[in-house]
N, C-alpha and C. Protein backbone atom coordinates (compact mmCIF):
# COMPACT_ATOMS: atom_id res chain seq x y z
N GLN A 1 130.41 58.60 34.19
CA GLN A 1 130.02 58.33 35.57
C GLN A 1 130.61 56.99 35.99
N VAL A 2 131.19 56.96 37.17
CA VAL A 2 131.81 55.75 37.70
C VAL A 2 131.18 55.43 39.04
N GLN A 3 130.80 54.19 39.23
CA GLN A 3 130.34 53.72 40.54
C GLN A 3 131.39 52.78 41.10
N LEU A 4 131.67 52.95 42.39
CA LEU A 4 132.71 52.16 43.05
C LEU A 4 132.15 51.50 44.30
N LYS A 5 132.51 50.26 44.50
CA LYS A 5 132.05 49.55 45.70
C LYS A 5 133.19 48.75 46.30
N GLU A 6 133.54 49.09 47.53
CA GLU A 6 134.60 48.39 48.23
C GLU A 6 134.07 47.17 48.98
N SER A 7 134.96 46.23 49.20
CA SER A 7 134.64 45.06 50.01
C SER A 7 135.92 44.50 50.60
N GLY A 8 135.77 43.65 51.60
CA GLY A 8 136.92 42.94 52.15
C GLY A 8 137.47 43.48 53.45
N GLY A 9 136.90 44.55 53.97
CA GLY A 9 137.38 45.06 55.25
C GLY A 9 137.03 44.11 56.38
N GLY A 10 137.56 44.40 57.56
CA GLY A 10 137.26 43.56 58.70
C GLY A 10 138.17 43.84 59.87
N LEU A 11 138.13 42.92 60.83
CA LEU A 11 138.92 43.03 62.05
C LEU A 11 140.03 41.99 62.00
N VAL A 12 141.27 42.44 62.14
CA VAL A 12 142.41 41.53 62.18
C VAL A 12 143.33 41.93 63.33
N GLN A 13 144.23 41.04 63.65
CA GLN A 13 145.22 41.34 64.68
C GLN A 13 146.48 41.94 64.04
N ALA A 14 147.21 42.68 64.84
CA ALA A 14 148.46 43.27 64.37
C ALA A 14 149.37 42.17 63.81
N GLY A 15 149.99 42.48 62.67
CA GLY A 15 150.88 41.53 62.01
C GLY A 15 150.20 40.68 60.95
N GLU A 16 148.88 40.66 60.95
CA GLU A 16 148.15 39.88 59.97
C GLU A 16 147.97 40.65 58.67
N SER A 17 147.35 39.95 57.70
CA SER A 17 147.15 40.52 56.37
C SER A 17 145.66 40.61 56.06
N LEU A 18 145.36 41.49 55.11
CA LEU A 18 143.98 41.67 54.66
C LEU A 18 144.04 42.23 53.25
N ARG A 19 143.09 41.84 52.41
CA ARG A 19 142.99 42.41 51.08
C ARG A 19 141.62 43.03 50.91
N VAL A 20 141.61 44.29 50.51
CA VAL A 20 140.36 44.96 50.18
C VAL A 20 140.26 45.10 48.67
N SER A 21 139.04 45.08 48.18
CA SER A 21 138.79 45.14 46.75
C SER A 21 137.83 46.27 46.43
N CYS A 22 137.89 46.73 45.20
CA CYS A 22 136.99 47.78 44.75
C CYS A 22 136.53 47.45 43.34
N LEU A 23 135.23 47.24 43.21
CA LEU A 23 134.64 46.93 41.91
C LEU A 23 134.10 48.20 41.30
N ALA A 24 134.51 48.49 40.07
CA ALA A 24 134.07 49.70 39.37
C ALA A 24 133.08 49.35 38.27
N SER A 25 132.15 50.24 38.07
CA SER A 25 131.18 50.07 36.98
C SER A 25 130.80 51.43 36.44
N GLY A 26 130.23 51.43 35.24
CA GLY A 26 129.67 52.65 34.69
C GLY A 26 130.60 53.44 33.80
N SER A 27 131.84 52.99 33.67
CA SER A 27 132.77 53.72 32.81
C SER A 27 133.80 52.73 32.30
N ILE A 28 134.69 53.20 31.47
CA ILE A 28 135.76 52.32 31.00
C ILE A 28 136.84 52.30 32.06
N PHE A 29 136.84 51.24 32.86
CA PHE A 29 137.72 51.15 34.02
C PHE A 29 139.18 51.33 33.64
N SER A 30 139.59 50.76 32.52
CA SER A 30 141.01 50.74 32.17
C SER A 30 141.56 52.13 31.89
N THR A 31 140.70 53.12 31.66
CA THR A 31 141.18 54.47 31.36
C THR A 31 141.25 55.35 32.60
N ASN A 32 140.94 54.80 33.76
CA ASN A 32 140.98 55.57 35.00
C ASN A 32 142.18 55.23 35.85
N ASP A 33 142.75 56.26 36.47
CA ASP A 33 143.70 56.04 37.55
C ASP A 33 142.89 55.73 38.80
N MET A 34 143.41 54.87 39.62
CA MET A 34 142.67 54.44 40.82
C MET A 34 143.51 54.67 42.07
N GLY A 35 142.82 55.01 43.14
CA GLY A 35 143.52 55.24 44.39
C GLY A 35 142.79 54.64 45.57
N TRP A 36 143.55 54.32 46.59
CA TRP A 36 143.00 53.93 47.89
C TRP A 36 143.36 55.02 48.89
N TYR A 37 142.34 55.55 49.54
CA TYR A 37 142.50 56.52 50.60
C TYR A 37 142.04 55.88 51.90
N ARG A 38 142.43 56.50 53.02
CA ARG A 38 141.89 56.06 54.30
C ARG A 38 141.67 57.27 55.20
N GLN A 39 140.74 57.09 56.12
CA GLN A 39 140.45 58.14 57.10
C GLN A 39 140.23 57.50 58.45
N ALA A 40 141.09 57.87 59.38
CA ALA A 40 140.97 57.40 60.75
C ALA A 40 140.17 58.42 61.54
N PRO A 41 139.56 58.02 62.65
CA PRO A 41 138.77 58.95 63.47
C PRO A 41 139.59 60.16 63.88
N GLY A 42 139.05 61.34 63.64
CA GLY A 42 139.72 62.56 64.04
C GLY A 42 140.85 62.99 63.15
N LYS A 43 141.08 62.28 62.04
CA LYS A 43 142.17 62.60 61.14
C LYS A 43 141.66 62.91 59.74
N GLN A 44 142.49 63.58 58.97
CA GLN A 44 142.12 63.87 57.60
C GLN A 44 142.28 62.63 56.72
N ARG A 45 141.52 62.62 55.65
CA ARG A 45 141.65 61.54 54.68
C ARG A 45 143.02 61.64 54.00
N GLU A 46 143.67 60.50 53.85
CA GLU A 46 144.99 60.51 53.24
C GLU A 46 145.09 59.46 52.14
N LEU A 47 145.92 59.77 51.13
CA LEU A 47 146.15 58.82 50.05
C LEU A 47 147.10 57.73 50.54
N VAL A 48 146.69 56.50 50.38
CA VAL A 48 147.50 55.35 50.80
C VAL A 48 148.31 54.81 49.63
N ALA A 49 147.63 54.62 48.50
CA ALA A 49 148.30 54.05 47.33
C ALA A 49 147.51 54.42 46.09
N ALA A 50 148.20 54.49 44.97
CA ALA A 50 147.54 54.82 43.71
C ALA A 50 148.17 54.02 42.58
N ILE A 51 147.36 53.77 41.57
CA ILE A 51 147.84 53.05 40.39
C ILE A 51 147.26 53.72 39.15
N THR A 52 148.13 54.00 38.20
CA THR A 52 147.66 54.66 36.98
C THR A 52 147.04 53.64 36.03
N SER A 53 146.46 54.15 34.96
CA SER A 53 145.85 53.26 33.97
C SER A 53 146.91 52.38 33.32
N SER A 54 148.17 52.84 33.31
CA SER A 54 149.25 52.06 32.71
C SER A 54 149.96 51.15 33.71
N GLY A 55 149.55 51.23 34.99
CA GLY A 55 150.09 50.32 35.99
C GLY A 55 151.16 50.88 36.90
N SER A 56 151.52 52.13 36.73
CA SER A 56 152.49 52.74 37.64
C SER A 56 151.87 52.94 39.01
N THR A 57 152.66 52.73 40.05
CA THR A 57 152.13 52.81 41.40
C THR A 57 152.92 53.80 42.26
N ASN A 58 152.26 54.30 43.28
CA ASN A 58 152.96 55.07 44.31
C ASN A 58 152.25 54.85 45.64
N TYR A 59 153.01 55.01 46.71
CA TYR A 59 152.54 54.68 48.05
C TYR A 59 152.90 55.78 49.05
N ALA A 60 152.08 55.88 50.06
CA ALA A 60 152.43 56.71 51.21
C ALA A 60 153.62 56.08 51.91
N ASP A 61 154.48 56.91 52.47
CA ASP A 61 155.67 56.39 53.15
C ASP A 61 155.30 55.41 54.27
N SER A 62 154.18 55.66 54.91
CA SER A 62 153.79 54.84 56.07
C SER A 62 153.42 53.41 55.69
N VAL A 63 153.17 53.15 54.41
CA VAL A 63 152.76 51.80 54.01
C VAL A 63 153.71 51.15 53.03
N LYS A 64 154.75 51.87 52.61
CA LYS A 64 155.70 51.31 51.65
C LYS A 64 156.32 50.03 52.20
N GLY A 65 156.36 49.01 51.35
CA GLY A 65 156.92 47.73 51.75
C GLY A 65 155.92 46.82 52.44
N ARG A 66 154.75 47.35 52.80
CA ARG A 66 153.73 46.52 53.47
C ARG A 66 152.47 46.37 52.63
N PHE A 67 152.12 47.42 51.88
CA PHE A 67 150.89 47.41 51.08
C PHE A 67 151.24 47.33 49.60
N THR A 68 150.36 46.67 48.84
CA THR A 68 150.53 46.58 47.40
C THR A 68 149.19 46.85 46.72
N ILE A 69 149.20 47.81 45.81
CA ILE A 69 148.00 48.09 45.02
C ILE A 69 148.15 47.41 43.66
N SER A 70 147.05 46.87 43.17
CA SER A 70 147.07 46.23 41.86
C SER A 70 145.69 46.39 41.23
N ARG A 71 145.63 46.12 39.95
CA ARG A 71 144.35 46.23 39.26
C ARG A 71 144.21 45.10 38.26
N ASP A 72 142.97 44.69 38.05
CA ASP A 72 142.63 43.68 37.05
C ASP A 72 141.59 44.33 36.15
N ASN A 73 142.03 44.81 35.00
CA ASN A 73 141.12 45.53 34.11
C ASN A 73 140.03 44.62 33.55
N ALA A 74 140.32 43.35 33.42
CA ALA A 74 139.31 42.42 32.91
C ALA A 74 138.16 42.26 33.89
N LYS A 75 138.44 42.47 35.18
CA LYS A 75 137.41 42.34 36.22
C LYS A 75 136.96 43.69 36.74
N ASN A 76 137.46 44.77 36.16
CA ASN A 76 137.09 46.12 36.62
C ASN A 76 137.31 46.29 38.12
N THR A 77 138.40 45.76 38.60
CA THR A 77 138.64 45.71 40.04
C THR A 77 140.05 46.19 40.38
N VAL A 78 140.15 46.94 41.46
CA VAL A 78 141.43 47.32 42.02
C VAL A 78 141.53 46.75 43.42
N TYR A 79 142.71 46.32 43.77
CA TYR A 79 142.94 45.66 45.05
C TYR A 79 143.97 46.43 45.88
N LEU A 80 143.87 46.24 47.18
CA LEU A 80 144.91 46.72 48.09
C LEU A 80 145.23 45.57 49.03
N GLN A 81 146.40 44.99 48.82
CA GLN A 81 146.88 43.93 49.70
C GLN A 81 147.65 44.57 50.84
N MET A 82 147.23 44.30 52.05
CA MET A 82 147.82 44.92 53.23
C MET A 82 148.45 43.84 54.10
N ASN A 83 149.76 43.89 54.24
CA ASN A 83 150.49 42.93 55.07
C ASN A 83 151.09 43.62 56.29
N SER A 84 151.45 42.83 57.26
CA SER A 84 152.07 43.35 58.49
C SER A 84 151.28 44.53 59.03
N LEU A 85 150.01 44.34 59.16
CA LEU A 85 149.14 45.44 59.59
C LEU A 85 149.45 45.88 61.00
N LYS A 86 149.28 47.17 61.21
CA LYS A 86 149.55 47.80 62.52
C LYS A 86 148.26 48.46 63.03
N PRO A 87 148.15 48.64 64.33
CA PRO A 87 146.95 49.31 64.85
C PRO A 87 146.73 50.69 64.21
N GLU A 88 147.80 51.37 63.85
CA GLU A 88 147.64 52.70 63.24
C GLU A 88 147.12 52.64 61.81
N ASP A 89 146.98 51.45 61.25
CA ASP A 89 146.34 51.29 59.95
C ASP A 89 144.81 51.27 60.06
N THR A 90 144.32 51.25 61.28
CA THR A 90 142.87 51.24 61.48
C THR A 90 142.24 52.50 60.90
N ALA A 91 141.26 52.31 60.02
CA ALA A 91 140.62 53.44 59.33
C ALA A 91 139.51 52.91 58.43
N VAL A 92 138.74 53.83 57.91
CA VAL A 92 137.85 53.50 56.81
C VAL A 92 138.64 53.69 55.52
N TYR A 93 138.63 52.67 54.69
CA TYR A 93 139.39 52.70 53.44
C TYR A 93 138.43 52.96 52.29
N TYR A 94 138.79 53.96 51.48
CA TYR A 94 137.95 54.37 50.36
C TYR A 94 138.68 54.14 49.04
N CYS A 95 137.93 53.70 48.08
CA CYS A 95 138.42 53.57 46.71
C CYS A 95 138.01 54.84 45.95
N ALA A 96 138.88 55.31 45.07
CA ALA A 96 138.58 56.51 44.30
C ALA A 96 139.09 56.36 42.88
N ALA A 97 138.42 57.06 41.96
CA ALA A 97 138.79 57.00 40.55
C ALA A 97 138.99 58.39 39.98
N ALA A 98 139.96 58.51 39.09
CA ALA A 98 140.26 59.78 38.44
C ALA A 98 140.50 59.54 36.96
N PRO A 99 140.08 60.46 36.10
CA PRO A 99 140.45 60.34 34.68
C PRO A 99 141.96 60.28 34.57
N THR A 100 142.47 59.42 33.74
CA THR A 100 143.89 59.17 33.73
C THR A 100 144.69 60.45 33.54
N GLY A 101 145.69 60.62 34.39
CA GLY A 101 146.57 61.77 34.34
C GLY A 101 146.04 63.03 35.00
N SER A 102 144.78 63.05 35.42
CA SER A 102 144.18 64.28 35.95
C SER A 102 144.50 64.51 37.42
N GLN A 103 144.73 63.40 38.18
CA GLN A 103 144.90 63.47 39.64
C GLN A 103 143.70 64.10 40.32
N LYS A 104 142.58 64.07 39.68
CA LYS A 104 141.34 64.56 40.28
C LYS A 104 140.43 63.38 40.57
N TYR A 105 140.43 62.99 41.82
CA TYR A 105 139.61 61.84 42.21
C TYR A 105 138.18 62.33 42.43
N ASP A 106 137.39 62.21 41.40
CA ASP A 106 136.03 62.72 41.43
C ASP A 106 135.02 61.68 41.87
N TYR A 107 135.39 60.41 41.83
CA TYR A 107 134.45 59.35 42.14
C TYR A 107 134.96 58.56 43.33
N TRP A 108 134.02 58.28 44.25
CA TRP A 108 134.39 57.64 45.51
C TRP A 108 133.43 56.51 45.84
N GLY A 109 133.97 55.49 46.49
CA GLY A 109 133.12 54.45 47.05
C GLY A 109 132.63 54.85 48.42
N GLN A 110 131.86 53.95 49.04
CA GLN A 110 131.26 54.26 50.34
C GLN A 110 132.21 53.95 51.49
N GLY A 111 133.28 53.23 51.20
CA GLY A 111 134.27 52.91 52.23
C GLY A 111 134.06 51.56 52.87
N THR A 112 135.15 51.00 53.36
CA THR A 112 135.10 49.74 54.10
C THR A 112 136.00 49.87 55.33
N GLN A 113 135.50 49.40 56.46
CA GLN A 113 136.22 49.57 57.73
C GLN A 113 137.30 48.50 57.87
N VAL A 114 138.50 48.93 58.20
CA VAL A 114 139.59 48.03 58.55
C VAL A 114 140.02 48.36 59.98
N THR A 115 139.97 47.36 60.83
CA THR A 115 140.34 47.53 62.23
C THR A 115 141.44 46.55 62.58
N VAL A 116 142.54 47.08 63.12
CA VAL A 116 143.67 46.25 63.50
C VAL A 116 143.83 46.32 65.01
N SER A 117 143.69 45.19 65.65
CA SER A 117 143.78 45.14 67.10
C SER A 117 145.20 44.76 67.53
N THR A 118 145.54 45.12 68.75
CA THR A 118 146.87 44.79 69.29
C THR A 118 146.90 43.37 69.82
């Protein structure tokens, strides 16, 4: 069982940066692949970025070059650094965990709101 809690969301202006964090507990964090998803009003939830237990990363095309996912296994935390934010990045951002290699994100946080104003 994994518990996830996001933090760090907020309101920023277009072009600014924000970092969201996700603290995991209840399992061996280092053996899980981690992902950041987002859901905007009226849209489906989409994968923004993911990082495997070994540190490999992948990103949605819409955020490549602007967002960076990282993890600190000693702190049981995964981060999403978001630079050059755009209004279309506005969404609730969710942290998710999957057993390594499974691509099955079975555990989810409650989400944190990120709002980018023009």
